[in-house]
Amino acid sequence: MAINEGGLLENQVGERLIVAITDVQKKEFQGKVQLHTSDISTIDINPACQQFHKLQKWFTTKKQKGLIEELLIIKMFENTQKINLEDVIQNRQSLKEGALYYFIGTVDMIENKSKPSYDACQNCTRSVIQTNDGVECKSCSDAQIVQRYRLTLNIIQGTATATDTLFEDAATVYIGCSVNDYIQSTAEDEKSSKYFRDLETISNKQYKFLIQLDEKSTNTR
């Protein structure tokens, strides 16, 4: 049964199947998880159930959205001038204010793996402080604390170095989970967190960094 249905699934790879499986055993072979069926196992492909149709629609919509975002990013880099990190640091006057540029750099180190978030206002995302009277935000009167990403990367390109800060959306993509999931995964032992370990291994990798120069970025870090 497993061979026949396994072949059926293999022939339909890429068709966004929803597969419902019952009464199977999970085993590991050479470090990979495998599902083993028996005489009482059932496998239903694309079951006629409203919940499964909703799941399939959600998956299709999410995948299409992800592809569109990926294509937009690729297109943005195609229309953006490539520069060197040294240009940003030493020859900023030769670059146009407000223009987009990109450079290829290596993440040498992540400064705050253990605490990649900050106490933020849930309304305006600014940093907040806790006082004896509660939570104080410079912009909002009814502030409440939430955690938001603020991940600090040290970047190198040749002899040039810079510091880049990834905030909520960019850091979520880079780390691979929400800030609350990251905090929860590292609560007891950060070394046991998959996301923390991944941050240690993705250092020393090259990335494309898209930057936009403005008056606030006149000081090199």
N, C-alpha and C. Protein backbone atom coordinates (compact mmCIF):
# COMPACT_ATOMS: atom_id res chain seq x y z
N MET A 1 0.82 -1.20 0.00
CA MET A 1 0.00 0.00 0.00
C MET A 1 0.86 1.26 0.00
N ALA A 2 1.89 1.26 0.81
CA ALA A 2 2.74 2.44 0.92
C ALA A 2 3.44 2.74 -0.40
N ILE A 3 3.86 1.66 -1.10
CA ILE A 3 4.59 1.87 -2.36
C ILE A 3 3.67 2.48 -3.40
N ASN A 4 2.44 1.93 -3.54
CA ASN A 4 1.50 2.43 -4.53
C ASN A 4 1.12 3.88 -4.25
N GLU A 5 0.74 4.17 -3.02
CA GLU A 5 0.31 5.52 -2.69
C GLU A 5 1.48 6.49 -2.68
N GLY A 6 2.65 5.96 -2.32
CA GLY A 6 3.83 6.81 -2.39
C GLY A 6 4.12 7.22 -3.82
N GLY A 7 3.97 6.28 -4.75
CA GLY A 7 4.16 6.60 -6.16
C GLY A 7 3.12 7.57 -6.67
N LEU A 8 1.88 7.42 -6.18
CA LEU A 8 0.81 8.34 -6.58
C LEU A 8 1.11 9.76 -6.13
N LEU A 9 1.58 9.90 -4.89
CA LEU A 9 1.93 11.21 -4.39
C LEU A 9 3.11 11.80 -5.16
N GLU A 10 4.08 10.96 -5.47
CA GLU A 10 5.26 11.43 -6.21
C GLU A 10 4.87 11.96 -7.59
N ASN A 11 3.90 11.32 -8.22
CA ASN A 11 3.47 11.75 -9.55
C ASN A 11 2.71 13.07 -9.51
N GLN A 12 2.25 13.47 -8.32
CA GLN A 12 1.46 14.70 -8.21
C GLN A 12 2.19 15.80 -7.46
N VAL A 13 3.51 15.68 -7.36
CA VAL A 13 4.31 16.71 -6.71
C VAL A 13 4.13 18.03 -7.45
N GLY A 14 3.94 19.10 -6.71
CA GLY A 14 3.77 20.42 -7.32
C GLY A 14 2.33 20.82 -7.55
N GLU A 15 1.39 19.93 -7.23
CA GLU A 15 -0.03 20.23 -7.46
C GLU A 15 -0.73 20.74 -6.20
N ARG A 16 0.04 21.08 -5.16
CA ARG A 16 -0.50 21.64 -3.92
C ARG A 16 -1.55 20.70 -3.31
N LEU A 17 -1.16 19.47 -3.10
CA LEU A 17 -2.07 18.47 -2.55
C LEU A 17 -2.27 18.69 -1.06
N ILE A 18 -3.46 18.35 -0.59
CA ILE A 18 -3.74 18.23 0.83
C ILE A 18 -3.89 16.75 1.13
N VAL A 19 -3.06 16.23 2.03
CA VAL A 19 -3.05 14.80 2.31
C VAL A 19 -3.39 14.57 3.78
N ALA A 20 -4.42 13.77 4.03
CA ALA A 20 -4.82 13.39 5.38
C ALA A 20 -4.39 11.95 5.62
N ILE A 21 -3.65 11.72 6.70
CA ILE A 21 -3.10 10.39 6.98
C ILE A 21 -3.46 10.00 8.41
N THR A 22 -3.88 8.77 8.59
CA THR A 22 -4.17 8.26 9.93
C THR A 22 -3.47 6.92 10.15
N ASP A 23 -3.21 6.63 11.41
CA ASP A 23 -2.66 5.33 11.82
C ASP A 23 -1.35 5.00 11.10
N VAL A 24 -0.39 5.91 11.20
CA VAL A 24 0.93 5.66 10.64
C VAL A 24 1.97 5.76 11.76
N GLN A 25 3.12 5.20 11.51
CA GLN A 25 4.22 5.25 12.46
C GLN A 25 5.32 6.16 11.94
N LYS A 26 5.87 6.97 12.84
CA LYS A 26 6.98 7.84 12.49
C LYS A 26 8.30 7.17 12.88
N LYS A 27 9.19 7.05 11.90
CA LYS A 27 10.50 6.46 12.16
C LYS A 27 11.57 7.34 11.52
N GLU A 28 12.80 7.18 12.00
CA GLU A 28 13.91 7.93 11.43
C GLU A 28 14.88 6.97 10.75
N PHE A 29 15.34 7.37 9.57
CA PHE A 29 16.32 6.58 8.84
C PHE A 29 17.36 7.52 8.26
N GLN A 30 18.61 7.33 8.69
CA GLN A 30 19.72 8.17 8.25
C GLN A 30 19.44 9.65 8.48
N GLY A 31 18.83 9.93 9.65
CA GLY A 31 18.59 11.31 10.04
C GLY A 31 17.35 11.93 9.43
N LYS A 32 16.59 11.18 8.63
CA LYS A 32 15.39 11.71 7.99
C LYS A 32 14.15 11.03 8.56
N VAL A 33 13.10 11.84 8.75
CA VAL A 33 11.84 11.32 9.28
C VAL A 33 11.07 10.64 8.16
N GLN A 34 10.56 9.43 8.44
CA GLN A 34 9.76 8.70 7.47
C GLN A 34 8.47 8.25 8.12
N LEU A 35 7.41 8.19 7.32
CA LEU A 35 6.12 7.69 7.79
C LEU A 35 5.89 6.30 7.23
N HIS A 36 5.57 5.36 8.12
CA HIS A 36 5.36 3.98 7.71
C HIS A 36 3.89 3.60 7.91
N THR A 37 3.27 3.06 6.86
CA THR A 37 1.87 2.67 6.93
C THR A 37 1.75 1.20 7.34
N SER A 38 0.54 0.84 7.70
CA SER A 38 0.23 -0.56 8.04
C SER A 38 -1.11 -0.91 7.39
N ASP A 39 -1.64 -2.09 7.72
CA ASP A 39 -2.90 -2.54 7.12
C ASP A 39 -4.09 -1.67 7.52
N ILE A 40 -3.96 -0.95 8.64
CA ILE A 40 -5.09 -0.13 9.10
C ILE A 40 -4.89 1.35 8.76
N SER A 41 -3.81 1.68 8.09
CA SER A 41 -3.56 3.08 7.75
C SER A 41 -4.49 3.54 6.64
N THR A 42 -4.83 4.82 6.68
CA THR A 42 -5.64 5.42 5.61
C THR A 42 -4.96 6.69 5.12
N ILE A 43 -4.99 6.88 3.82
CA ILE A 43 -4.43 8.08 3.20
C ILE A 43 -5.49 8.64 2.24
N ASP A 44 -5.88 9.87 2.49
CA ASP A 44 -6.90 10.52 1.66
C ASP A 44 -6.28 11.76 1.01
N ILE A 45 -6.27 11.78 -0.31
CA ILE A 45 -5.68 12.89 -1.05
C ILE A 45 -6.77 13.87 -1.45
N ASN A 46 -6.57 15.15 -1.08
CA ASN A 46 -7.56 16.19 -1.33
C ASN A 46 -8.95 15.78 -0.86
N PRO A 47 -9.11 15.51 0.43
CA PRO A 47 -10.41 15.05 0.95
C PRO A 47 -11.49 16.11 0.74
N ALA A 48 -12.70 15.64 0.53
CA ALA A 48 -13.84 16.53 0.30
C ALA A 48 -14.34 17.06 1.63
N CYS A 49 -13.63 18.04 2.15
CA CYS A 49 -13.94 18.60 3.46
C CYS A 49 -13.70 20.11 3.40
N GLN A 50 -14.61 20.89 3.98
CA GLN A 50 -14.51 22.34 3.90
C GLN A 50 -13.22 22.86 4.51
N GLN A 51 -12.80 22.28 5.64
CA GLN A 51 -11.59 22.73 6.29
C GLN A 51 -10.36 22.54 5.40
N PHE A 52 -10.32 21.44 4.67
CA PHE A 52 -9.19 21.18 3.79
C PHE A 52 -9.19 22.12 2.59
N HIS A 53 -10.38 22.47 2.08
CA HIS A 53 -10.47 23.41 0.98
C HIS A 53 -9.96 24.80 1.42
N LYS A 54 -10.30 25.19 2.65
CA LYS A 54 -9.81 26.46 3.19
C LYS A 54 -8.29 26.45 3.31
N LEU A 55 -7.76 25.32 3.77
CA LEU A 55 -6.31 25.19 3.91
C LEU A 55 -5.62 25.29 2.56
N GLN A 56 -6.17 24.64 1.56
CA GLN A 56 -5.58 24.67 0.22
C GLN A 56 -5.64 26.08 -0.37
N LYS A 57 -6.76 26.78 -0.16
CA LYS A 57 -6.89 28.15 -0.65
C LYS A 57 -5.89 29.07 0.04
N TRP A 58 -5.74 28.89 1.37
CA TRP A 58 -4.78 29.71 2.13
C TRP A 58 -3.37 29.48 1.63
N PHE A 59 -3.02 28.19 1.42
CA PHE A 59 -1.67 27.87 0.98
C PHE A 59 -1.39 28.47 -0.40
N THR A 60 -2.36 28.36 -1.30
CA THR A 60 -2.19 28.90 -2.66
C THR A 60 -2.02 30.40 -2.62
N THR A 61 -2.86 31.09 -1.83
CA THR A 61 -2.78 32.55 -1.74
C THR A 61 -1.46 32.99 -1.14
N LYS A 62 -1.03 32.30 -0.07
CA LYS A 62 0.22 32.66 0.59
C LYS A 62 1.40 32.44 -0.33
N LYS A 63 1.40 31.33 -1.07
CA LYS A 63 2.51 31.04 -1.97
C LYS A 63 2.58 32.06 -3.09
N GLN A 64 1.41 32.44 -3.65
CA GLN A 64 1.38 33.43 -4.71
C GLN A 64 1.87 34.78 -4.20
N LYS A 65 1.46 35.14 -3.00
CA LYS A 65 1.91 36.40 -2.40
C LYS A 65 3.42 36.39 -2.22
N GLY A 66 3.95 35.25 -1.73
CA GLY A 66 5.39 35.15 -1.54
C GLY A 66 6.15 35.26 -2.85
N LEU A 67 5.62 34.64 -3.92
CA LEU A 67 6.27 34.71 -5.22
C LEU A 67 6.26 36.13 -5.76
N ILE A 68 5.13 36.84 -5.58
CA ILE A 68 5.04 38.22 -6.04
C ILE A 68 6.05 39.10 -5.30
N GLU A 69 6.14 38.93 -3.98
CA GLU A 69 7.10 39.72 -3.20
C GLU A 69 8.53 39.41 -3.63
N GLU A 70 8.80 38.14 -3.90
CA GLU A 70 10.15 37.75 -4.33
C GLU A 70 10.49 38.37 -5.68
N LEU A 71 9.52 38.37 -6.61
CA LEU A 71 9.75 38.95 -7.93
C LEU A 71 9.95 40.46 -7.83
N LEU A 72 9.21 41.12 -6.94
CA LEU A 72 9.36 42.56 -6.75
C LEU A 72 10.75 42.90 -6.21
N ILE A 73 11.23 42.07 -5.29
CA ILE A 73 12.57 42.30 -4.74
C ILE A 73 13.63 42.10 -5.81
N ILE A 74 13.48 41.04 -6.62
CA ILE A 74 14.44 40.78 -7.70
C ILE A 74 14.44 41.93 -8.68
N LYS A 75 13.25 42.43 -9.02
CA LYS A 75 13.14 43.55 -9.96
C LYS A 75 13.76 44.80 -9.38
N MET A 76 13.60 45.00 -8.09
CA MET A 76 14.16 46.18 -7.44
C MET A 76 15.68 46.17 -7.52
N PHE A 77 16.28 45.00 -7.30
CA PHE A 77 17.73 44.91 -7.38
C PHE A 77 18.21 45.10 -8.82
N GLU A 78 17.43 44.62 -9.79
CA GLU A 78 17.82 44.78 -11.19
C GLU A 78 17.88 46.25 -11.59
N ASN A 79 17.01 47.07 -10.99
CA ASN A 79 16.95 48.49 -11.34
C ASN A 79 17.74 49.37 -10.39
N THR A 80 18.57 48.76 -9.56
CA THR A 80 19.33 49.50 -8.56
C THR A 80 20.82 49.39 -8.82
N GLN A 81 21.52 50.50 -8.64
CA GLN A 81 22.96 50.52 -8.90
C GLN A 81 23.73 49.81 -7.79
N LYS A 82 24.66 48.97 -8.20
CA LYS A 82 25.52 48.28 -7.25
C LYS A 82 26.71 49.17 -6.89
N ILE A 83 26.99 49.26 -5.60
CA ILE A 83 28.12 50.05 -5.13
C ILE A 83 28.93 49.22 -4.15
N ASN A 84 30.02 49.77 -3.68
CA ASN A 84 30.84 49.14 -2.65
C ASN A 84 30.51 49.77 -1.30
N LEU A 85 30.69 49.00 -0.25
CA LEU A 85 30.47 49.52 1.10
C LEU A 85 31.37 50.71 1.36
N GLU A 86 32.56 50.69 0.79
CA GLU A 86 33.50 51.80 0.96
C GLU A 86 32.92 53.11 0.42
N ASP A 87 32.10 53.02 -0.65
CA ASP A 87 31.47 54.21 -1.20
C ASP A 87 30.53 54.86 -0.19
N VAL A 88 29.81 54.04 0.56
CA VAL A 88 28.88 54.56 1.55
C VAL A 88 29.63 55.24 2.69
N ILE A 89 30.78 54.70 3.03
CA ILE A 89 31.53 55.20 4.18
C ILE A 89 32.39 56.41 3.82
N GLN A 90 33.13 56.32 2.71
CA GLN A 90 34.12 57.35 2.38
C GLN A 90 33.68 58.31 1.28
N ASN A 91 32.83 57.86 0.35
CA ASN A 91 32.47 58.69 -0.81
C ASN A 91 30.98 58.97 -0.87
N ARG A 92 30.39 59.22 0.27
CA ARG A 92 28.95 59.43 0.32
C ARG A 92 28.51 60.62 -0.53
N GLN A 93 29.36 61.64 -0.64
CA GLN A 93 29.00 62.83 -1.41
C GLN A 93 28.79 62.54 -2.89
N SER A 94 29.34 61.43 -3.37
CA SER A 94 29.17 61.07 -4.78
C SER A 94 27.87 60.32 -5.04
N LEU A 95 27.14 59.97 -3.98
CA LEU A 95 25.89 59.24 -4.11
C LEU A 95 24.71 60.20 -3.96
N LYS A 96 23.61 59.88 -4.63
CA LYS A 96 22.44 60.75 -4.63
C LYS A 96 21.58 60.50 -3.40
N GLU A 97 21.20 61.59 -2.75
CA GLU A 97 20.32 61.47 -1.60
C GLU A 97 18.95 60.99 -2.05
N GLY A 98 18.41 60.01 -1.34
CA GLY A 98 17.11 59.47 -1.66
C GLY A 98 17.13 58.34 -2.66
N ALA A 99 18.28 58.11 -3.30
CA ALA A 99 18.38 57.05 -4.30
C ALA A 99 18.61 55.70 -3.62
N LEU A 100 18.20 54.64 -4.31
CA LEU A 100 18.43 53.28 -3.81
C LEU A 100 19.73 52.73 -4.40
N TYR A 101 20.49 52.06 -3.55
CA TYR A 101 21.71 51.38 -3.96
C TYR A 101 21.75 50.03 -3.26
N TYR A 102 22.63 49.15 -3.76
CA TYR A 102 22.84 47.91 -3.02
C TYR A 102 24.30 47.53 -3.07
N PHE A 103 24.73 46.82 -2.04
CA PHE A 103 26.09 46.28 -2.01
C PHE A 103 26.03 44.85 -1.48
N ILE A 104 27.03 44.08 -1.78
CA ILE A 104 27.13 42.70 -1.30
C ILE A 104 28.12 42.67 -0.15
N GLY A 105 27.65 42.24 1.00
CA GLY A 105 28.50 42.19 2.18
C GLY A 105 28.35 40.88 2.93
N THR A 106 29.26 40.64 3.83
CA THR A 106 29.25 39.43 4.65
C THR A 106 28.87 39.78 6.08
N VAL A 107 27.92 39.05 6.64
CA VAL A 107 27.56 39.23 8.04
C VAL A 107 28.66 38.61 8.89
N ASP A 108 29.46 39.46 9.48
CA ASP A 108 30.60 38.99 10.28
C ASP A 108 30.16 38.54 11.67
N MET A 109 29.18 39.25 12.23
CA MET A 109 28.74 38.91 13.59
C MET A 109 27.36 39.52 13.84
N ILE A 110 26.58 38.83 14.66
CA ILE A 110 25.31 39.37 15.13
C ILE A 110 25.52 39.77 16.59
N GLU A 111 25.36 41.05 16.88
CA GLU A 111 25.73 41.56 18.19
C GLU A 111 24.79 41.12 19.31
N ASN A 112 23.52 40.97 19.00
CA ASN A 112 22.54 40.77 20.08
C ASN A 112 21.66 39.55 19.86
N LYS A 113 22.27 38.40 19.62
CA LYS A 113 21.49 37.17 19.44
C LYS A 113 20.65 36.85 20.67
N SER A 114 21.20 37.12 21.85
CA SER A 114 20.49 36.77 23.08
C SER A 114 19.32 37.70 23.36
N LYS A 115 19.39 38.93 22.84
CA LYS A 115 18.31 39.89 23.07
C LYS A 115 18.10 40.72 21.80
N PRO A 116 17.48 40.13 20.77
CA PRO A 116 17.31 40.84 19.50
C PRO A 116 16.04 41.67 19.44
N SER A 117 15.49 42.04 20.61
CA SER A 117 14.24 42.79 20.63
C SER A 117 14.33 43.92 21.64
N TYR A 118 13.32 44.79 21.62
CA TYR A 118 13.28 45.92 22.55
C TYR A 118 11.85 46.14 23.03
N ASP A 119 11.72 46.86 24.15
CA ASP A 119 10.41 47.21 24.67
C ASP A 119 9.83 48.33 23.81
N ALA A 120 8.76 48.03 23.08
CA ALA A 120 8.19 48.98 22.13
C ALA A 120 6.75 49.31 22.49
N CYS A 121 6.33 50.47 22.02
CA CYS A 121 4.94 50.87 22.16
C CYS A 121 4.12 50.11 21.13
N GLN A 122 3.01 49.55 21.55
CA GLN A 122 2.18 48.78 20.62
C GLN A 122 1.50 49.66 19.58
N ASN A 123 1.44 50.97 19.83
CA ASN A 123 0.76 51.88 18.91
C ASN A 123 1.69 52.47 17.85
N CYS A 124 2.88 52.91 18.28
CA CYS A 124 3.75 53.66 17.37
C CYS A 124 5.11 53.02 17.13
N THR A 125 5.43 51.95 17.82
CA THR A 125 6.67 51.17 17.70
C THR A 125 7.89 51.87 18.30
N ARG A 126 7.73 53.05 18.90
CA ARG A 126 8.86 53.70 19.55
C ARG A 126 9.25 52.95 20.82
N SER A 127 10.49 53.15 21.26
CA SER A 127 10.93 52.56 22.52
C SER A 127 10.16 53.19 23.68
N VAL A 128 9.87 52.38 24.67
CA VAL A 128 9.16 52.87 25.86
C VAL A 128 9.98 52.55 27.10
N ILE A 129 9.67 53.23 28.18
CA ILE A 129 10.33 52.96 29.44
C ILE A 129 9.27 52.70 30.50
N GLN A 130 9.64 51.89 31.47
CA GLN A 130 8.72 51.61 32.57
C GLN A 130 9.06 52.51 33.75
N THR A 131 8.06 53.18 34.26
CA THR A 131 8.22 54.05 35.41
C THR A 131 7.35 53.54 36.56
N ASN A 132 7.42 54.23 37.68
CA ASN A 132 6.59 53.84 38.83
C ASN A 132 5.10 54.01 38.53
N ASP A 133 4.81 54.87 37.54
CA ASP A 133 3.41 55.13 37.19
C ASP A 133 2.92 54.25 36.04
N GLY A 134 3.80 53.44 35.49
CA GLY A 134 3.40 52.58 34.38
C GLY A 134 4.38 52.65 33.22
N VAL A 135 3.84 52.69 32.00
CA VAL A 135 4.65 52.70 30.79
C VAL A 135 4.62 54.09 30.18
N GLU A 136 5.80 54.60 29.81
CA GLU A 136 5.88 55.95 29.25
C GLU A 136 6.37 55.89 27.81
N CYS A 137 5.59 56.49 26.91
CA CYS A 137 5.95 56.64 25.51
C CYS A 137 5.90 58.12 25.17
N LYS A 138 6.89 58.61 24.43
CA LYS A 138 6.96 60.03 24.10
C LYS A 138 5.88 60.45 23.11
N SER A 139 5.26 59.47 22.44
CA SER A 139 4.27 59.83 21.42
C SER A 139 2.85 59.47 21.81
N CYS A 140 2.67 58.45 22.64
CA CYS A 140 1.33 57.95 22.93
C CYS A 140 1.01 58.06 24.43
N SER A 141 -0.23 58.32 24.72
CA SER A 141 -0.64 58.48 26.12
C SER A 141 -1.10 57.18 26.75
N ASP A 142 -1.52 56.22 25.92
CA ASP A 142 -2.04 54.95 26.45
C ASP A 142 -1.15 53.79 26.02
N ALA A 143 0.15 53.97 26.19
CA ALA A 143 1.11 52.98 25.69
C ALA A 143 1.08 51.69 26.50
N GLN A 144 1.28 50.59 25.78
CA GLN A 144 1.48 49.28 26.39
C GLN A 144 2.69 48.64 25.73
N ILE A 145 3.42 47.84 26.50
CA ILE A 145 4.68 47.27 26.01
C ILE A 145 4.42 46.03 25.16
N VAL A 146 5.07 45.99 24.02
CA VAL A 146 5.18 44.78 23.22
C VAL A 146 6.63 44.63 22.81
N GLN A 147 7.02 43.43 22.45
CA GLN A 147 8.38 43.21 21.99
C GLN A 147 8.44 43.32 20.47
N ARG A 148 9.45 44.03 19.96
CA ARG A 148 9.67 44.14 18.52
C ARG A 148 11.14 43.88 18.24
N TYR A 149 11.39 43.35 17.05
CA TYR A 149 12.77 43.02 16.67
C TYR A 149 13.62 44.29 16.48
N ARG A 150 14.87 44.18 16.92
CA ARG A 150 15.91 45.16 16.60
C ARG A 150 17.22 44.38 16.59
N LEU A 151 17.53 43.79 15.44
CA LEU A 151 18.67 42.89 15.30
C LEU A 151 19.85 43.64 14.69
N THR A 152 20.97 43.63 15.37
CA THR A 152 22.14 44.40 14.95
C THR A 152 23.18 43.49 14.31
N LEU A 153 23.51 43.78 13.05
CA LEU A 153 24.48 43.00 12.29
C LEU A 153 25.76 43.80 12.06
N ASN A 154 26.89 43.13 12.20
CA ASN A 154 28.16 43.70 11.77
C ASN A 154 28.47 43.16 10.38
N ILE A 155 28.69 44.07 9.43
CA ILE A 155 28.86 43.70 8.02
C ILE A 155 30.26 44.11 7.56
N ILE A 156 30.87 43.23 6.77
CA ILE A 156 32.19 43.55 6.22
C ILE A 156 32.18 43.32 4.71
N GLN A 157 32.99 44.13 4.04
CA GLN A 157 33.25 43.93 2.61
C GLN A 157 34.68 44.38 2.38
N GLY A 158 35.56 43.43 2.21
CA GLY A 158 36.98 43.77 2.13
C GLY A 158 37.45 44.31 3.47
N THR A 159 38.00 45.52 3.46
CA THR A 159 38.47 46.15 4.71
C THR A 159 37.41 47.08 5.30
N ALA A 160 36.31 47.29 4.60
CA ALA A 160 35.25 48.18 5.08
C ALA A 160 34.31 47.43 6.01
N THR A 161 33.88 48.11 7.06
CA THR A 161 32.95 47.53 8.02
C THR A 161 31.80 48.50 8.30
N ALA A 162 30.67 47.96 8.63
CA ALA A 162 29.50 48.79 8.94
C ALA A 162 28.57 48.02 9.86
N THR A 163 27.66 48.75 10.48
CA THR A 163 26.65 48.16 11.33
C THR A 163 25.28 48.40 10.72
N ASP A 164 24.48 47.36 10.66
CA ASP A 164 23.14 47.47 10.09
C ASP A 164 22.14 46.93 11.10
N THR A 165 21.01 47.61 11.24
CA THR A 165 19.97 47.18 12.17
C THR A 165 18.75 46.75 11.40
N LEU A 166 18.30 45.52 11.65
CA LEU A 166 17.09 44.98 11.04
C LEU A 166 15.95 45.11 12.04
N PHE A 167 14.87 45.76 11.59
CA PHE A 167 13.71 45.89 12.46
C PHE A 167 12.68 44.82 12.11
N GLU A 168 11.48 44.98 12.56
CA GLU A 168 10.49 43.91 12.65
C GLU A 168 10.37 43.03 11.41
N ASP A 169 9.97 43.61 10.27
CA ASP A 169 9.69 42.80 9.09
C ASP A 169 10.95 42.13 8.56
N ALA A 170 12.02 42.91 8.41
CA ALA A 170 13.26 42.37 7.86
C ALA A 170 13.86 41.32 8.80
N ALA A 171 13.82 41.57 10.11
CA ALA A 171 14.37 40.62 11.07
C ALA A 171 13.55 39.33 11.12
N THR A 172 12.24 39.44 10.95
CA THR A 172 11.39 38.24 10.93
C THR A 172 11.77 37.33 9.77
N VAL A 173 12.01 37.93 8.61
CA VAL A 173 12.44 37.14 7.45
C VAL A 173 13.82 36.55 7.69
N TYR A 174 14.73 37.34 8.24
CA TYR A 174 16.12 36.90 8.44
C TYR A 174 16.19 35.76 9.45
N ILE A 175 15.46 35.89 10.55
CA ILE A 175 15.52 34.88 11.62
C ILE A 175 14.60 33.69 11.31
N GLY A 176 13.46 33.96 10.69
CA GLY A 176 12.57 32.88 10.31
C GLY A 176 11.41 32.63 11.26
N CYS A 177 11.17 33.56 12.18
CA CYS A 177 10.05 33.40 13.10
C CYS A 177 9.68 34.77 13.65
N SER A 178 8.52 34.83 14.30
CA SER A 178 8.10 36.08 14.94
C SER A 178 8.93 36.33 16.18
N VAL A 179 8.91 37.57 16.66
CA VAL A 179 9.71 37.92 17.83
C VAL A 179 9.23 37.15 19.06
N ASN A 180 7.91 36.95 19.19
CA ASN A 180 7.39 36.21 20.35
C ASN A 180 7.82 34.75 20.30
N ASP A 181 7.83 34.16 19.11
CA ASP A 181 8.28 32.77 18.98
C ASP A 181 9.75 32.66 19.33
N TYR A 182 10.54 33.65 18.94
CA TYR A 182 11.97 33.61 19.25
C TYR A 182 12.20 33.70 20.76
N ILE A 183 11.51 34.63 21.40
CA ILE A 183 11.66 34.79 22.84
C ILE A 183 11.24 33.53 23.58
N GLN A 184 10.14 32.93 23.15
CA GLN A 184 9.65 31.71 23.79
C GLN A 184 10.63 30.56 23.59
N SER A 185 11.24 30.47 22.42
CA SER A 185 12.14 29.35 22.13
C SER A 185 13.44 29.46 22.92
N THR A 186 13.82 30.66 23.35
CA THR A 186 15.07 30.85 24.07
C THR A 186 14.87 31.07 25.57
N ALA A 187 13.63 30.94 26.03
CA ALA A 187 13.31 31.29 27.42
C ALA A 187 14.07 30.43 28.43
N GLU A 188 14.13 29.14 28.20
CA GLU A 188 14.79 28.25 29.16
C GLU A 188 16.27 28.09 28.86
N ASP A 189 16.60 27.82 27.61
CA ASP A 189 18.00 27.62 27.23
C ASP A 189 18.15 28.03 25.77
N GLU A 190 18.84 29.16 25.55
CA GLU A 190 18.93 29.66 24.18
C GLU A 190 19.65 28.69 23.25
N LYS A 191 20.55 27.91 23.80
CA LYS A 191 21.28 26.95 22.96
C LYS A 191 20.38 25.85 22.42
N SER A 192 19.25 25.62 23.07
CA SER A 192 18.32 24.60 22.59
C SER A 192 17.36 25.15 21.55
N SER A 193 17.41 26.44 21.30
CA SER A 193 16.52 27.06 20.32
C SER A 193 17.09 26.90 18.92
N LYS A 194 16.28 26.36 18.02
CA LYS A 194 16.68 26.21 16.63
C LYS A 194 17.02 27.56 16.01
N TYR A 195 16.22 28.58 16.34
CA TYR A 195 16.42 29.90 15.75
C TYR A 195 17.72 30.53 16.23
N PHE A 196 18.05 30.34 17.51
CA PHE A 196 19.30 30.87 18.04
C PHE A 196 20.49 30.17 17.39
N ARG A 197 20.40 28.85 17.25
CA ARG A 197 21.49 28.11 16.61
C ARG A 197 21.65 28.51 15.15
N ASP A 198 20.52 28.76 14.49
CA ASP A 198 20.59 29.18 13.08
C ASP A 198 21.29 30.52 12.95
N LEU A 199 21.06 31.43 13.89
CA LEU A 199 21.73 32.73 13.84
C LEU A 199 23.24 32.58 13.95
N GLU A 200 23.67 31.57 14.70
CA GLU A 200 25.12 31.34 14.82
C GLU A 200 25.69 30.77 13.53
N THR A 201 24.92 29.98 12.80
CA THR A 201 25.45 29.34 11.60
C THR A 201 25.33 30.21 10.36
N ILE A 202 24.37 31.18 10.34
CA ILE A 202 24.22 32.00 9.14
C ILE A 202 25.16 33.18 9.12
N SER A 203 25.96 33.34 10.16
CA SER A 203 27.03 34.34 10.10
C SER A 203 28.07 33.89 9.07
N ASN A 204 28.85 34.84 8.61
CA ASN A 204 29.88 34.60 7.60
C ASN A 204 29.28 34.20 6.25
N LYS A 205 28.04 34.60 6.01
CA LYS A 205 27.41 34.39 4.71
C LYS A 205 27.20 35.74 4.02
N GLN A 206 27.22 35.72 2.70
CA GLN A 206 27.06 36.94 1.94
C GLN A 206 25.58 37.22 1.67
N TYR A 207 25.23 38.50 1.71
CA TYR A 207 23.88 38.94 1.42
C TYR A 207 23.94 40.22 0.58
N LYS A 208 22.85 40.49 -0.12
CA LYS A 208 22.69 41.77 -0.80
C LYS A 208 21.97 42.72 0.15
N PHE A 209 22.54 43.89 0.36
CA PHE A 209 21.95 44.89 1.24
C PHE A 209 21.46 46.07 0.42
N LEU A 210 20.16 46.32 0.51
CA LEU A 210 19.55 47.44 -0.20
C LEU A 210 19.52 48.64 0.74
N ILE A 211 20.04 49.78 0.30
CA ILE A 211 20.11 50.95 1.16
C ILE A 211 19.55 52.16 0.44
N GLN A 212 19.05 53.10 1.21
CA GLN A 212 18.59 54.38 0.69
C GLN A 212 19.18 55.47 1.56
N LEU A 213 19.89 56.38 0.94
CA LEU A 213 20.58 57.44 1.67
C LEU A 213 19.65 58.64 1.86
N ASP A 214 19.67 59.16 3.07
CA ASP A 214 18.93 60.40 3.35
C ASP A 214 19.71 61.21 4.36
N GLU A 215 19.14 62.31 4.81
CA GLU A 215 19.85 63.21 5.73
C GLU A 215 20.16 62.53 7.06
N LYS A 216 19.30 61.61 7.47
CA LYS A 216 19.51 60.94 8.75
C LYS A 216 20.66 59.95 8.70
N SER A 217 21.09 59.57 7.51
CA SER A 217 22.14 58.56 7.39
C SER A 217 23.48 59.17 7.02
N THR A 218 23.68 60.45 7.38
CA THR A 218 24.94 61.12 7.02
C THR A 218 26.10 60.66 7.88
N ASN A 219 25.81 60.15 9.07
CA ASN A 219 26.86 59.69 9.96
C ASN A 219 27.11 58.21 9.76
N THR A 220 28.34 57.86 9.44
CA THR A 220 28.69 56.46 9.23
C THR A 220 28.88 55.75 10.55
N ARG A 221 28.32 54.52 10.61
CA ARG A 221 28.52 53.71 11.81
C ARG A 221 29.42 52.54 11.48
